[in-house]
Amino acid sequence: QQQEIKKKLLATIYDEACSENVAGLFLYAANQYVANYYRKLGFVDFFFRNHFWYYKEKILSQENKSSRKINFISPELFHKHRVQKLENHCFVNWNEGFFRFLNESKIQFYEYENCFFSFKTMYNNIIVDELWGDIQHEKIACALFEHHPEFETVHIRAMGNDICCGQMKWCKSLEKEIPKGYFAFAME
């Protein structure tokens, strides 16, 4: 840290990215301490999302029964839907191969009614990494509990403005004000 190797490395990468006409660099900070360090280097909070928690005993006691089946979709179809939903937003556009890799790593892609989403399981939780479509989150949580009764909680991460999950440093050619962006699927 005293030699400022990280600072010099980021400056070199930034200069190279700008010379190649890249929009900028984005980071996923491991914690607030690291995020503050990146802010000092010119990175701004840019990628945001909201978090919602649902508990099986509470959701199912409200008689939120679903009548439709959750259907698996391919990583390629998920990628296509994702790009269509985000086309009017600033977002990280992973390629189809990335979603195939995620699927091999146990992240599953599904559609339900007029929405599509991805999820993984961890400990006693279902974690919905992305959710797209006009549907109440409670309805998705209920459907997931019905299809996977062994889990106790559903954690939905959706597009929103509440929690910063990534930072951006724009190249000099893009110094105009750019609205907030959307980012999911960090490689943690």
N, C-alpha and C. Protein backbone atom coordinates (compact mmCIF):
# COMPACT_ATOMS: atom_id res chain seq x y z
N GLN A 1 0.82 -1.21 0.00
CA GLN A 1 0.00 0.00 0.00
C GLN A 1 0.86 1.26 0.00
N GLN A 2 1.97 1.22 0.72
CA GLN A 2 2.82 2.41 0.78
C GLN A 2 3.46 2.72 -0.56
N GLN A 3 3.65 1.72 -1.40
CA GLN A 3 4.23 1.94 -2.72
C GLN A 3 3.18 2.36 -3.75
N GLU A 4 1.92 2.36 -3.34
CA GLU A 4 0.80 2.76 -4.20
C GLU A 4 0.73 1.96 -5.49
N ILE A 5 0.99 0.66 -5.40
CA ILE A 5 0.97 -0.19 -6.59
C ILE A 5 -0.44 -0.26 -7.19
N LYS A 6 -1.45 -0.41 -6.33
CA LYS A 6 -2.83 -0.48 -6.84
C LYS A 6 -3.20 0.82 -7.55
N LYS A 7 -2.84 1.94 -6.97
CA LYS A 7 -3.15 3.24 -7.56
C LYS A 7 -2.48 3.39 -8.93
N LYS A 8 -1.21 3.01 -9.02
CA LYS A 8 -0.48 3.10 -10.29
C LYS A 8 -1.05 2.12 -11.33
N LEU A 9 -1.40 0.93 -10.89
CA LEU A 9 -1.97 -0.06 -11.80
C LEU A 9 -3.31 0.43 -12.37
N LEU A 10 -4.18 0.95 -11.51
CA LEU A 10 -5.47 1.47 -11.98
C LEU A 10 -5.29 2.66 -12.92
N ALA A 11 -4.31 3.53 -12.64
CA ALA A 11 -4.05 4.68 -13.51
C ALA A 11 -3.59 4.21 -14.89
N THR A 12 -2.74 3.19 -14.92
CA THR A 12 -2.26 2.65 -16.20
C THR A 12 -3.40 2.01 -16.98
N ILE A 13 -4.23 1.22 -16.30
CA ILE A 13 -5.37 0.58 -16.96
C ILE A 13 -6.34 1.64 -17.48
N TYR A 14 -6.58 2.66 -16.68
CA TYR A 14 -7.49 3.74 -17.07
C TYR A 14 -6.97 4.44 -18.32
N ASP A 15 -5.69 4.80 -18.34
CA ASP A 15 -5.11 5.48 -19.50
C ASP A 15 -5.21 4.61 -20.74
N GLU A 16 -4.94 3.33 -20.60
CA GLU A 16 -5.03 2.40 -21.73
C GLU A 16 -6.47 2.29 -22.23
N ALA A 17 -7.42 2.19 -21.31
CA ALA A 17 -8.83 2.09 -21.70
C ALA A 17 -9.26 3.35 -22.45
N CYS A 18 -8.87 4.52 -21.97
CA CYS A 18 -9.24 5.77 -22.63
C CYS A 18 -8.60 5.87 -24.02
N SER A 19 -7.38 5.40 -24.16
CA SER A 19 -6.73 5.46 -25.47
C SER A 19 -7.38 4.50 -26.47
N GLU A 20 -8.06 3.48 -25.98
CA GLU A 20 -8.76 2.53 -26.87
C GLU A 20 -10.24 2.90 -27.03
N ASN A 21 -10.61 4.09 -26.61
CA ASN A 21 -11.98 4.60 -26.77
C ASN A 21 -13.01 3.77 -26.01
N VAL A 22 -12.62 3.22 -24.86
CA VAL A 22 -13.54 2.49 -23.98
C VAL A 22 -14.27 3.53 -23.13
N ALA A 23 -15.52 3.24 -22.77
CA ALA A 23 -16.31 4.21 -22.00
C ALA A 23 -15.69 4.50 -20.64
N GLY A 24 -15.10 3.51 -20.02
CA GLY A 24 -14.49 3.71 -18.71
C GLY A 24 -14.26 2.39 -18.01
N LEU A 25 -13.93 2.48 -16.75
CA LEU A 25 -13.67 1.30 -15.93
C LEU A 25 -14.77 1.16 -14.89
N PHE A 26 -15.16 -0.08 -14.60
CA PHE A 26 -16.10 -0.28 -13.50
C PHE A 26 -15.51 -1.25 -12.50
N LEU A 27 -15.88 -1.07 -11.25
CA LEU A 27 -15.38 -1.88 -10.15
C LEU A 27 -16.51 -2.36 -9.27
N TYR A 28 -16.29 -3.49 -8.67
CA TYR A 28 -17.19 -4.02 -7.66
C TYR A 28 -16.37 -4.08 -6.37
N ALA A 29 -16.56 -3.10 -5.50
CA ALA A 29 -15.76 -3.02 -4.28
C ALA A 29 -16.17 -4.09 -3.28
N ALA A 30 -15.19 -4.69 -2.64
CA ALA A 30 -15.46 -5.77 -1.69
C ALA A 30 -16.16 -5.27 -0.42
N ASN A 31 -15.91 -4.02 -0.05
CA ASN A 31 -16.53 -3.46 1.16
C ASN A 31 -16.46 -1.93 1.09
N GLN A 32 -17.03 -1.25 2.09
CA GLN A 32 -17.08 0.22 2.08
C GLN A 32 -15.70 0.84 2.20
N TYR A 33 -14.80 0.22 2.91
CA TYR A 33 -13.44 0.74 3.04
C TYR A 33 -12.79 0.82 1.66
N VAL A 34 -12.93 -0.24 0.89
CA VAL A 34 -12.35 -0.28 -0.46
C VAL A 34 -13.09 0.70 -1.37
N ALA A 35 -14.41 0.78 -1.24
CA ALA A 35 -15.20 1.72 -2.06
C ALA A 35 -14.74 3.15 -1.81
N ASN A 36 -14.47 3.49 -0.56
CA ASN A 36 -13.97 4.84 -0.23
C ASN A 36 -12.62 5.09 -0.87
N TYR A 37 -11.75 4.09 -0.87
CA TYR A 37 -10.44 4.21 -1.52
C TYR A 37 -10.62 4.51 -3.00
N TYR A 38 -11.52 3.78 -3.69
CA TYR A 38 -11.75 4.00 -5.12
C TYR A 38 -12.34 5.39 -5.37
N ARG A 39 -13.19 5.88 -4.47
CA ARG A 39 -13.75 7.23 -4.62
C ARG A 39 -12.62 8.27 -4.64
N LYS A 40 -11.61 8.07 -3.82
CA LYS A 40 -10.47 8.99 -3.79
C LYS A 40 -9.69 8.97 -5.10
N LEU A 41 -9.82 7.88 -5.87
CA LEU A 41 -9.13 7.76 -7.16
C LEU A 41 -10.01 8.21 -8.32
N GLY A 42 -11.17 8.78 -8.02
CA GLY A 42 -12.02 9.32 -9.07
C GLY A 42 -13.18 8.44 -9.50
N PHE A 43 -13.37 7.30 -8.88
CA PHE A 43 -14.51 6.44 -9.18
C PHE A 43 -15.75 6.98 -8.47
N VAL A 44 -16.89 6.90 -9.14
CA VAL A 44 -18.14 7.38 -8.55
C VAL A 44 -19.11 6.22 -8.43
N ASP A 45 -19.98 6.29 -7.42
CA ASP A 45 -21.03 5.28 -7.28
C ASP A 45 -21.94 5.38 -8.50
N PHE A 46 -22.16 4.26 -9.15
CA PHE A 46 -22.91 4.31 -10.41
C PHE A 46 -23.94 3.19 -10.54
N PHE A 47 -23.56 1.98 -10.20
CA PHE A 47 -24.45 0.84 -10.37
C PHE A 47 -25.24 0.60 -9.08
N PHE A 48 -26.55 0.58 -9.20
CA PHE A 48 -27.42 0.46 -8.03
C PHE A 48 -28.44 -0.65 -8.22
N ARG A 49 -28.91 -1.20 -7.12
CA ARG A 49 -30.02 -2.15 -7.14
C ARG A 49 -30.69 -2.14 -5.77
N ASN A 50 -31.86 -2.75 -5.71
CA ASN A 50 -32.61 -2.86 -4.46
C ASN A 50 -32.60 -4.31 -3.99
N HIS A 51 -32.77 -4.49 -2.68
CA HIS A 51 -32.81 -5.83 -2.09
C HIS A 51 -34.13 -6.02 -1.36
N PHE A 52 -34.72 -7.19 -1.54
CA PHE A 52 -35.97 -7.54 -0.88
C PHE A 52 -35.84 -8.93 -0.26
N TRP A 53 -36.29 -9.09 0.98
CA TRP A 53 -36.23 -10.37 1.68
C TRP A 53 -37.65 -10.88 1.94
N TYR A 54 -37.87 -12.16 1.68
CA TYR A 54 -39.17 -12.79 1.94
C TYR A 54 -38.95 -14.07 2.73
N TYR A 55 -39.83 -14.32 3.69
CA TYR A 55 -39.71 -15.48 4.57
C TYR A 55 -40.89 -16.42 4.32
N LYS A 56 -40.59 -17.69 4.16
CA LYS A 56 -41.59 -18.68 3.77
C LYS A 56 -42.80 -18.67 4.70
N GLU A 57 -42.58 -18.69 5.99
CA GLU A 57 -43.72 -18.78 6.92
C GLU A 57 -44.64 -17.57 6.79
N LYS A 58 -44.09 -16.41 6.49
CA LYS A 58 -44.92 -15.21 6.37
C LYS A 58 -45.64 -15.16 5.01
N ILE A 59 -44.91 -15.44 3.93
CA ILE A 59 -45.50 -15.38 2.58
C ILE A 59 -46.58 -16.43 2.41
N LEU A 60 -46.31 -17.67 2.80
CA LEU A 60 -47.28 -18.74 2.57
C LEU A 60 -48.47 -18.63 3.51
N SER A 61 -48.31 -17.95 4.64
CA SER A 61 -49.44 -17.78 5.55
C SER A 61 -50.43 -16.74 5.02
N GLN A 62 -50.01 -15.93 4.06
CA GLN A 62 -50.88 -14.90 3.49
C GLN A 62 -51.71 -15.46 2.33
N GLU A 63 -51.66 -16.75 2.12
CA GLU A 63 -52.41 -17.42 1.07
C GLU A 63 -52.10 -16.86 -0.32
N ASN A 64 -50.83 -16.64 -0.58
CA ASN A 64 -50.37 -16.21 -1.90
C ASN A 64 -50.05 -17.43 -2.75
N LYS A 65 -51.02 -18.21 -3.09
CA LYS A 65 -50.76 -19.42 -3.85
C LYS A 65 -50.58 -19.10 -5.33
N SER A 66 -49.59 -19.74 -5.94
CA SER A 66 -49.39 -19.56 -7.38
C SER A 66 -50.00 -20.74 -8.11
N SER A 67 -50.45 -20.49 -9.30
CA SER A 67 -51.07 -21.56 -10.09
C SER A 67 -50.28 -21.88 -11.34
N ARG A 68 -49.21 -21.14 -11.56
CA ARG A 68 -48.43 -21.34 -12.76
C ARG A 68 -47.09 -21.95 -12.44
N LYS A 69 -46.56 -22.65 -13.39
CA LYS A 69 -45.28 -23.34 -13.22
C LYS A 69 -44.13 -22.40 -13.59
N ILE A 70 -43.03 -22.52 -12.85
CA ILE A 70 -41.80 -21.83 -13.19
C ILE A 70 -41.10 -22.67 -14.25
N ASN A 71 -40.76 -22.05 -15.38
CA ASN A 71 -40.16 -22.78 -16.50
C ASN A 71 -38.70 -22.40 -16.70
N PHE A 72 -37.87 -23.40 -16.88
CA PHE A 72 -36.45 -23.19 -17.16
C PHE A 72 -36.30 -22.55 -18.54
N ILE A 73 -35.37 -21.60 -18.67
CA ILE A 73 -35.01 -21.07 -19.98
C ILE A 73 -33.50 -21.18 -20.15
N SER A 74 -33.03 -21.15 -21.36
CA SER A 74 -31.61 -21.30 -21.65
C SER A 74 -30.85 -20.02 -21.30
N PRO A 75 -29.55 -20.14 -21.05
CA PRO A 75 -28.73 -18.94 -20.81
C PRO A 75 -28.80 -17.98 -22.00
N GLU A 76 -28.89 -18.51 -23.21
CA GLU A 76 -28.95 -17.65 -24.40
C GLU A 76 -30.24 -16.83 -24.42
N LEU A 77 -31.36 -17.47 -24.07
CA LEU A 77 -32.63 -16.75 -24.05
C LEU A 77 -32.65 -15.73 -22.92
N PHE A 78 -32.08 -16.08 -21.76
CA PHE A 78 -31.99 -15.13 -20.66
C PHE A 78 -31.19 -13.91 -21.10
N HIS A 79 -30.06 -14.12 -21.76
CA HIS A 79 -29.23 -13.02 -22.26
C HIS A 79 -30.03 -12.13 -23.20
N LYS A 80 -30.77 -12.73 -24.11
CA LYS A 80 -31.57 -11.97 -25.08
C LYS A 80 -32.62 -11.11 -24.36
N HIS A 81 -33.36 -11.71 -23.42
CA HIS A 81 -34.36 -10.96 -22.65
C HIS A 81 -33.72 -9.82 -21.87
N ARG A 82 -32.58 -10.10 -21.26
CA ARG A 82 -31.89 -9.11 -20.43
C ARG A 82 -31.50 -7.88 -21.26
N VAL A 83 -30.92 -8.11 -22.42
CA VAL A 83 -30.50 -7.00 -23.29
C VAL A 83 -31.72 -6.19 -23.73
N GLN A 84 -32.82 -6.86 -24.06
CA GLN A 84 -34.04 -6.15 -24.46
C GLN A 84 -34.58 -5.29 -23.32
N LYS A 85 -34.60 -5.82 -22.11
CA LYS A 85 -35.14 -5.07 -20.97
C LYS A 85 -34.25 -3.89 -20.59
N LEU A 86 -32.96 -4.02 -20.81
CA LEU A 86 -32.02 -2.98 -20.36
C LEU A 86 -31.59 -2.02 -21.47
N GLU A 87 -32.13 -2.17 -22.67
CA GLU A 87 -31.61 -1.40 -23.80
C GLU A 87 -31.69 0.11 -23.61
N ASN A 88 -32.58 0.61 -22.79
CA ASN A 88 -32.68 2.05 -22.56
C ASN A 88 -31.97 2.49 -21.28
N HIS A 89 -31.14 1.62 -20.72
CA HIS A 89 -30.40 1.92 -19.50
C HIS A 89 -28.91 1.75 -19.74
N CYS A 90 -28.12 2.28 -18.84
CA CYS A 90 -26.68 2.06 -18.87
C CYS A 90 -26.42 0.81 -18.03
N PHE A 91 -25.84 -0.23 -18.62
CA PHE A 91 -25.69 -1.48 -17.90
C PHE A 91 -24.46 -2.24 -18.37
N VAL A 92 -24.03 -3.19 -17.58
CA VAL A 92 -22.94 -4.06 -17.98
C VAL A 92 -23.54 -5.16 -18.84
N ASN A 93 -23.07 -5.26 -20.07
CA ASN A 93 -23.63 -6.22 -21.02
C ASN A 93 -22.71 -7.44 -21.11
N TRP A 94 -22.99 -8.43 -20.27
CA TRP A 94 -22.24 -9.68 -20.34
C TRP A 94 -22.62 -10.40 -21.64
N ASN A 95 -21.70 -11.16 -22.21
CA ASN A 95 -22.03 -11.90 -23.44
C ASN A 95 -22.71 -13.23 -23.11
N GLU A 96 -23.19 -13.92 -24.14
CA GLU A 96 -23.92 -15.17 -23.93
C GLU A 96 -23.06 -16.22 -23.24
N GLY A 97 -21.77 -16.25 -23.57
CA GLY A 97 -20.87 -17.21 -22.94
C GLY A 97 -20.81 -17.06 -21.44
N PHE A 98 -20.91 -15.82 -20.95
CA PHE A 98 -20.91 -15.57 -19.52
C PHE A 98 -22.10 -16.23 -18.84
N PHE A 99 -23.27 -16.16 -19.47
CA PHE A 99 -24.47 -16.76 -18.89
C PHE A 99 -24.42 -18.28 -18.96
N ARG A 100 -23.77 -18.83 -20.01
CA ARG A 100 -23.56 -20.28 -20.05
C ARG A 100 -22.65 -20.70 -18.90
N PHE A 101 -21.60 -19.91 -18.65
CA PHE A 101 -20.69 -20.18 -17.54
C PHE A 101 -21.44 -20.13 -16.20
N LEU A 102 -22.28 -19.11 -16.01
CA LEU A 102 -23.05 -19.00 -14.77
C LEU A 102 -23.96 -20.22 -14.60
N ASN A 103 -24.58 -20.66 -15.70
CA ASN A 103 -25.48 -21.80 -15.63
C ASN A 103 -24.72 -23.06 -15.23
N GLU A 104 -23.52 -23.23 -15.73
CA GLU A 104 -22.69 -24.37 -15.34
C GLU A 104 -22.25 -24.26 -13.88
N SER A 105 -22.24 -23.02 -13.35
CA SER A 105 -21.85 -22.78 -11.96
C SER A 105 -23.06 -22.78 -11.03
N LYS A 106 -24.16 -23.37 -11.47
CA LYS A 106 -25.35 -23.60 -10.65
C LYS A 106 -26.29 -22.40 -10.54
N ILE A 107 -26.12 -21.37 -11.37
CA ILE A 107 -27.12 -20.31 -11.44
C ILE A 107 -28.12 -20.73 -12.50
N GLN A 108 -29.39 -20.69 -12.15
CA GLN A 108 -30.44 -21.18 -13.03
C GLN A 108 -31.25 -20.01 -13.58
N PHE A 109 -31.77 -20.17 -14.80
CA PHE A 109 -32.54 -19.12 -15.46
C PHE A 109 -33.96 -19.63 -15.70
N TYR A 110 -34.94 -18.79 -15.33
CA TYR A 110 -36.34 -19.20 -15.41
C TYR A 110 -37.22 -18.07 -15.91
N GLU A 111 -38.43 -18.47 -16.35
CA GLU A 111 -39.47 -17.49 -16.64
C GLU A 111 -40.72 -17.91 -15.89
N TYR A 112 -41.52 -16.90 -15.53
CA TYR A 112 -42.74 -17.12 -14.78
C TYR A 112 -43.69 -15.99 -15.14
N GLU A 113 -44.85 -16.34 -15.64
CA GLU A 113 -45.82 -15.36 -16.12
C GLU A 113 -45.12 -14.42 -17.09
N ASN A 114 -45.13 -13.12 -16.85
CA ASN A 114 -44.51 -12.18 -17.78
C ASN A 114 -43.15 -11.68 -17.32
N CYS A 115 -42.43 -12.52 -16.61
CA CYS A 115 -41.12 -12.09 -16.15
C CYS A 115 -40.11 -13.21 -16.33
N PHE A 116 -38.86 -12.88 -16.21
CA PHE A 116 -37.80 -13.88 -16.21
C PHE A 116 -36.80 -13.48 -15.13
N PHE A 117 -36.11 -14.49 -14.61
CA PHE A 117 -35.21 -14.24 -13.49
C PHE A 117 -34.16 -15.34 -13.41
N SER A 118 -33.15 -15.07 -12.61
CA SER A 118 -32.10 -16.06 -12.34
C SER A 118 -32.03 -16.25 -10.84
N PHE A 119 -31.62 -17.45 -10.43
CA PHE A 119 -31.42 -17.63 -9.00
C PHE A 119 -30.39 -18.71 -8.72
N LYS A 120 -29.87 -18.64 -7.52
CA LYS A 120 -28.96 -19.66 -7.01
C LYS A 120 -29.41 -19.96 -5.59
N THR A 121 -28.93 -21.03 -5.03
CA THR A 121 -29.25 -21.36 -3.65
C THR A 121 -27.96 -21.31 -2.83
N MET A 122 -28.09 -20.82 -1.62
CA MET A 122 -26.95 -20.74 -0.73
C MET A 122 -27.44 -20.92 0.69
N TYR A 123 -26.89 -21.89 1.36
CA TYR A 123 -27.30 -22.24 2.71
C TYR A 123 -28.80 -22.52 2.72
N ASN A 124 -29.58 -21.72 3.40
CA ASN A 124 -31.02 -21.97 3.48
C ASN A 124 -31.80 -20.91 2.69
N ASN A 125 -31.13 -20.28 1.71
CA ASN A 125 -31.71 -19.16 0.98
C ASN A 125 -31.79 -19.44 -0.52
N ILE A 126 -32.79 -18.86 -1.14
CA ILE A 126 -32.84 -18.73 -2.59
C ILE A 126 -32.48 -17.28 -2.88
N ILE A 127 -31.48 -17.07 -3.71
CA ILE A 127 -31.04 -15.72 -4.04
C ILE A 127 -31.36 -15.45 -5.50
N VAL A 128 -32.26 -14.51 -5.74
CA VAL A 128 -32.63 -14.11 -7.10
C VAL A 128 -31.69 -12.97 -7.49
N ASP A 129 -30.76 -13.28 -8.41
CA ASP A 129 -29.75 -12.28 -8.80
C ASP A 129 -30.31 -11.20 -9.70
N GLU A 130 -31.23 -11.56 -10.57
CA GLU A 130 -31.87 -10.58 -11.44
C GLU A 130 -33.34 -10.98 -11.61
N LEU A 131 -34.19 -9.98 -11.71
CA LEU A 131 -35.62 -10.21 -11.92
C LEU A 131 -36.13 -9.13 -12.86
N TRP A 132 -36.72 -9.54 -13.98
CA TRP A 132 -37.21 -8.61 -14.99
C TRP A 132 -38.67 -8.89 -15.29
N GLY A 133 -39.48 -7.84 -15.34
CA GLY A 133 -40.87 -7.99 -15.71
C GLY A 133 -41.79 -7.32 -14.71
N ASP A 134 -43.02 -7.17 -15.13
CA ASP A 134 -44.03 -6.53 -14.29
C ASP A 134 -44.74 -7.58 -13.45
N ILE A 135 -44.21 -7.82 -12.27
CA ILE A 135 -44.79 -8.80 -11.37
C ILE A 135 -44.43 -8.40 -9.94
N GLN A 136 -45.31 -8.68 -9.00
CA GLN A 136 -45.00 -8.40 -7.61
C GLN A 136 -43.94 -9.39 -7.12
N HIS A 137 -42.97 -8.88 -6.40
CA HIS A 137 -41.89 -9.73 -5.91
C HIS A 137 -42.43 -10.85 -5.02
N GLU A 138 -43.49 -10.54 -4.25
CA GLU A 138 -44.07 -11.55 -3.37
C GLU A 138 -44.57 -12.76 -4.15
N LYS A 139 -45.06 -12.52 -5.36
CA LYS A 139 -45.57 -13.60 -6.19
C LYS A 139 -44.44 -14.54 -6.63
N ILE A 140 -43.30 -13.96 -6.98
CA ILE A 140 -42.13 -14.77 -7.35
C ILE A 140 -41.65 -15.55 -6.13
N ALA A 141 -41.58 -14.89 -4.97
CA ALA A 141 -41.13 -15.56 -3.75
C ALA A 141 -42.04 -16.73 -3.42
N CYS A 142 -43.35 -16.54 -3.51
CA CYS A 142 -44.31 -17.61 -3.24
C CYS A 142 -44.11 -18.78 -4.20
N ALA A 143 -43.98 -18.48 -5.48
CA ALA A 143 -43.77 -19.54 -6.47
C ALA A 143 -42.49 -20.31 -6.19
N LEU A 144 -41.43 -19.61 -5.81
CA LEU A 144 -40.17 -20.28 -5.50
C LEU A 144 -40.30 -21.17 -4.26
N PHE A 145 -40.99 -20.68 -3.23
CA PHE A 145 -41.21 -21.50 -2.04
C PHE A 145 -42.01 -22.75 -2.37
N GLU A 146 -43.00 -22.63 -3.24
CA GLU A 146 -43.81 -23.79 -3.61
C GLU A 146 -43.02 -24.81 -4.41
N HIS A 147 -42.11 -24.32 -5.27
CA HIS A 147 -41.30 -25.23 -6.07
C HIS A 147 -40.08 -25.76 -5.32
N HIS A 148 -39.67 -25.05 -4.29
CA HIS A 148 -38.49 -25.43 -3.49
C HIS A 148 -38.82 -25.30 -2.01
N PRO A 149 -39.65 -26.16 -1.47
CA PRO A 149 -40.10 -26.02 -0.07
C PRO A 149 -39.00 -26.22 0.97
N GLU A 150 -37.86 -26.71 0.55
CA GLU A 150 -36.77 -26.94 1.51
C GLU A 150 -36.08 -25.65 1.94
N PHE A 151 -36.35 -24.53 1.27
CA PHE A 151 -35.70 -23.26 1.60
C PHE A 151 -36.63 -22.38 2.43
N GLU A 152 -36.03 -21.54 3.28
CA GLU A 152 -36.78 -20.71 4.22
C GLU A 152 -36.89 -19.24 3.81
N THR A 153 -35.94 -18.73 3.02
CA THR A 153 -35.96 -17.33 2.63
C THR A 153 -35.71 -17.17 1.14
N VAL A 154 -36.25 -16.10 0.59
CA VAL A 154 -35.96 -15.68 -0.78
C VAL A 154 -35.43 -14.26 -0.69
N HIS A 155 -34.27 -14.05 -1.28
CA HIS A 155 -33.63 -12.73 -1.32
C HIS A 155 -33.62 -12.30 -2.78
N ILE A 156 -34.36 -11.24 -3.11
CA ILE A 156 -34.45 -10.75 -4.48
C ILE A 156 -33.62 -9.48 -4.62
N ARG A 157 -32.72 -9.51 -5.61
CA ARG A 157 -31.93 -8.33 -5.96
C ARG A 157 -32.48 -7.82 -7.29
N ALA A 158 -33.03 -6.62 -7.30
CA ALA A 158 -33.68 -6.10 -8.48
C ALA A 158 -33.16 -4.71 -8.82
N MET A 159 -33.40 -4.30 -10.04
CA MET A 159 -33.00 -2.97 -10.48
C MET A 159 -33.62 -1.93 -9.57
N GLY A 160 -32.84 -0.94 -9.15
CA GLY A 160 -33.35 0.07 -8.25
C GLY A 160 -32.31 1.12 -7.92
N ASN A 161 -32.55 1.90 -6.87
CA ASN A 161 -31.68 3.01 -6.52
C ASN A 161 -31.14 2.95 -5.10
N ASP A 162 -31.43 1.89 -4.36
CA ASP A 162 -31.13 1.88 -2.92
C ASP A 162 -29.68 1.58 -2.56
N ILE A 163 -29.10 0.57 -3.15
CA ILE A 163 -27.79 0.09 -2.70
C ILE A 163 -26.79 0.13 -3.85
N CYS A 164 -25.67 0.79 -3.60
CA CYS A 164 -24.62 0.85 -4.62
C CYS A 164 -23.91 -0.50 -4.68
N CYS A 165 -23.79 -1.03 -5.88
CA CYS A 165 -23.10 -2.31 -6.03
C CYS A 165 -21.99 -2.22 -7.06
N GLY A 166 -21.60 -1.04 -7.44
CA GLY A 166 -20.50 -0.89 -8.39
C GLY A 166 -20.17 0.57 -8.61
N GLN A 167 -18.93 0.80 -9.01
CA GLN A 167 -18.45 2.16 -9.22
C GLN A 167 -17.89 2.28 -10.63
N MET A 168 -17.83 3.52 -11.11
CA MET A 168 -17.42 3.78 -12.49
C MET A 168 -16.46 4.95 -12.52
N LYS A 169 -15.49 4.88 -13.39
CA LYS A 169 -14.63 6.03 -13.69
C LYS A 169 -14.67 6.20 -15.20
N TRP A 170 -15.34 7.26 -15.64
CA TRP A 170 -15.55 7.48 -17.07
C TRP A 170 -14.28 8.01 -17.72
N CYS A 171 -14.04 7.60 -18.93
CA CYS A 171 -12.91 8.15 -19.68
C CYS A 171 -13.21 9.59 -20.05
N LYS A 172 -12.18 10.34 -20.29
CA LYS A 172 -12.31 11.78 -20.50
C LYS A 172 -13.26 12.13 -21.64
N SER A 173 -13.38 11.28 -22.63
CA SER A 173 -14.26 11.57 -23.76
C SER A 173 -15.74 11.50 -23.37
N LEU A 174 -16.03 10.95 -22.19
CA LEU A 174 -17.42 10.81 -21.73
C LEU A 174 -17.65 11.58 -20.43
N GLU A 175 -17.12 12.75 -20.33
CA GLU A 175 -17.25 13.48 -19.08
C GLU A 175 -18.61 14.10 -18.86
N LYS A 176 -19.53 13.92 -19.82
CA LYS A 176 -20.88 14.43 -19.60
C LYS A 176 -21.56 13.65 -18.48
N GLU A 177 -22.61 14.20 -17.96
CA GLU A 177 -23.35 13.54 -16.87
C GLU A 177 -24.11 12.34 -17.43
N ILE A 178 -23.87 11.18 -16.87
CA ILE A 178 -24.53 9.96 -17.31
C ILE A 178 -25.39 9.46 -16.16
N PRO A 179 -26.62 9.02 -16.43
CA PRO A 179 -27.50 8.57 -15.34
C PRO A 179 -26.97 7.30 -14.67
N LYS A 180 -27.64 6.88 -13.64
CA LYS A 180 -27.25 5.68 -12.92
C LYS A 180 -27.35 4.45 -13.81
N GLY A 181 -26.59 3.43 -13.46
CA GLY A 181 -26.59 2.21 -14.25
C GLY A 181 -27.00 1.00 -13.45
N TYR A 182 -27.06 -0.13 -14.13
CA TYR A 182 -27.47 -1.37 -13.49
C TYR A 182 -26.38 -2.41 -13.65
N PHE A 183 -26.11 -3.13 -12.56
CA PHE A 183 -25.08 -4.15 -12.56
C PHE A 183 -25.49 -5.30 -11.66
N ALA A 184 -25.38 -6.49 -12.16
CA ALA A 184 -25.60 -7.69 -11.34
C ALA A 184 -24.58 -8.72 -11.77
N PHE A 185 -24.55 -9.83 -11.07
CA PHE A 185 -23.64 -10.92 -11.37
C PHE A 185 -22.19 -10.54 -11.20
N ALA A 186 -21.83 -10.08 -10.02
CA ALA A 186 -20.41 -9.90 -9.73
C ALA A 186 -19.79 -11.26 -9.52
N MET A 187 -18.57 -11.40 -9.90
CA MET A 187 -17.87 -12.67 -9.69
C MET A 187 -17.22 -12.63 -8.32
N GLU A 188 -18.02 -12.96 -7.32
CA GLU A 188 -17.55 -12.87 -5.94
C GLU A 188 -16.74 -14.11 -5.56
